[in-house]
Amino acid sequence: METLRRLRRPDGVEIVYGFTPAAERTPGRALLLLHGLASNKSRFAEFVEQTRLSARFDLLRVDLRGHGDSQARGRLSLELWCDDLAALLAAEGHPQAILVGHSLGAQVALAFAARYRQQSRALALIDPVFREALRGKWRRIAQLAPVIGAAATLVRAANALGLQRRAVEPYDLRALDEEARAALASPAATADFVRRYSSTCEDLRHFRTAHYLQELVEMFRPAPPLAALDMPVLVLLSSGGTFADPAVMARLLAQLPRAQTVSIDCQHWPLTERPHEVRTAIERWCEALP
């Protein structure tokens, strides 16, 4: 059964995460489940409810600093998120874990593996975002990172002066996923789904503006040297994704020494569109690890 736990960091921020203990607990057998941009731990609620991995692995679905119940007003960064996760693993008595991340969460997993190599048993990356592979509007957004970062600083300054929303609307992605799957019955419904899930305005209803701007900067930072990440890596790629050039993605992923790539027939939200396929791929891969 899952319980909510809180880890207070030295700066006073509380990291909130759902903890589901394995039927047979073993130090080092843990899955850290990391959500994407402007998201929260409810992204992995369905996965935790249904996966058979709970028999052997502790499952920890985390609200990254600044998301969900892990409220924070200060600056966000890959380094801060990684340090929070390392402290969380230490608090739970796990010397290492498998990190499973979607989109921004995949970037956090890669950064963690570079920063905390010994704590990174393996990585499962769901639609990782590589700056070099971006195309279209996403490439243009990445190029504007210095401007976006400056805007984030200005918004944080305005917040410090009291110009801020008192609260943002809660975001239950478990319920939203069920609603989306029920609607995906026609091309028109699929197009509406893509518009809704890609909407910045929709994200900002549920997420603070300064954090959103900073996350764009963090998500499009250069990845760590992939050839140095010698742990097992599973990469799940959406077949319909349009944000990245497939040829460049393939070239970059080939740098990972121990990578396995699986294509999922969906847009950029495999956990919403194809949860069973994603869950099955991750389960089989985890169970085959030494």
Foldseek 3Di string as FASTA:
>chain_A
DWDWDWDQDPVGFIKIKIKQAALDDDAQAAEEEAEAFLAALLLCVVLVVDFPSSNYYIYIRTGFQQHDPRNDLDADALVNSLVVVCVVSVVVRHQAYEYEYAALSQLSLLVNCVVPVRRHQEYEYEAADALVFFDDVLVVLQVCLVVLLVVLVVVSVVVVVVPFDPAADADNVNVVLVVLQVQPPDPVSQVVVVCCVPDPVNSVSHGTPSRNSSSSNNSHDHGDQQLPNAHAYEYEYEPAEDGGDVVVVVVRVVSHNHYDYDYDDDYRSCCRHPVPVVSVVVNVVVVPRD
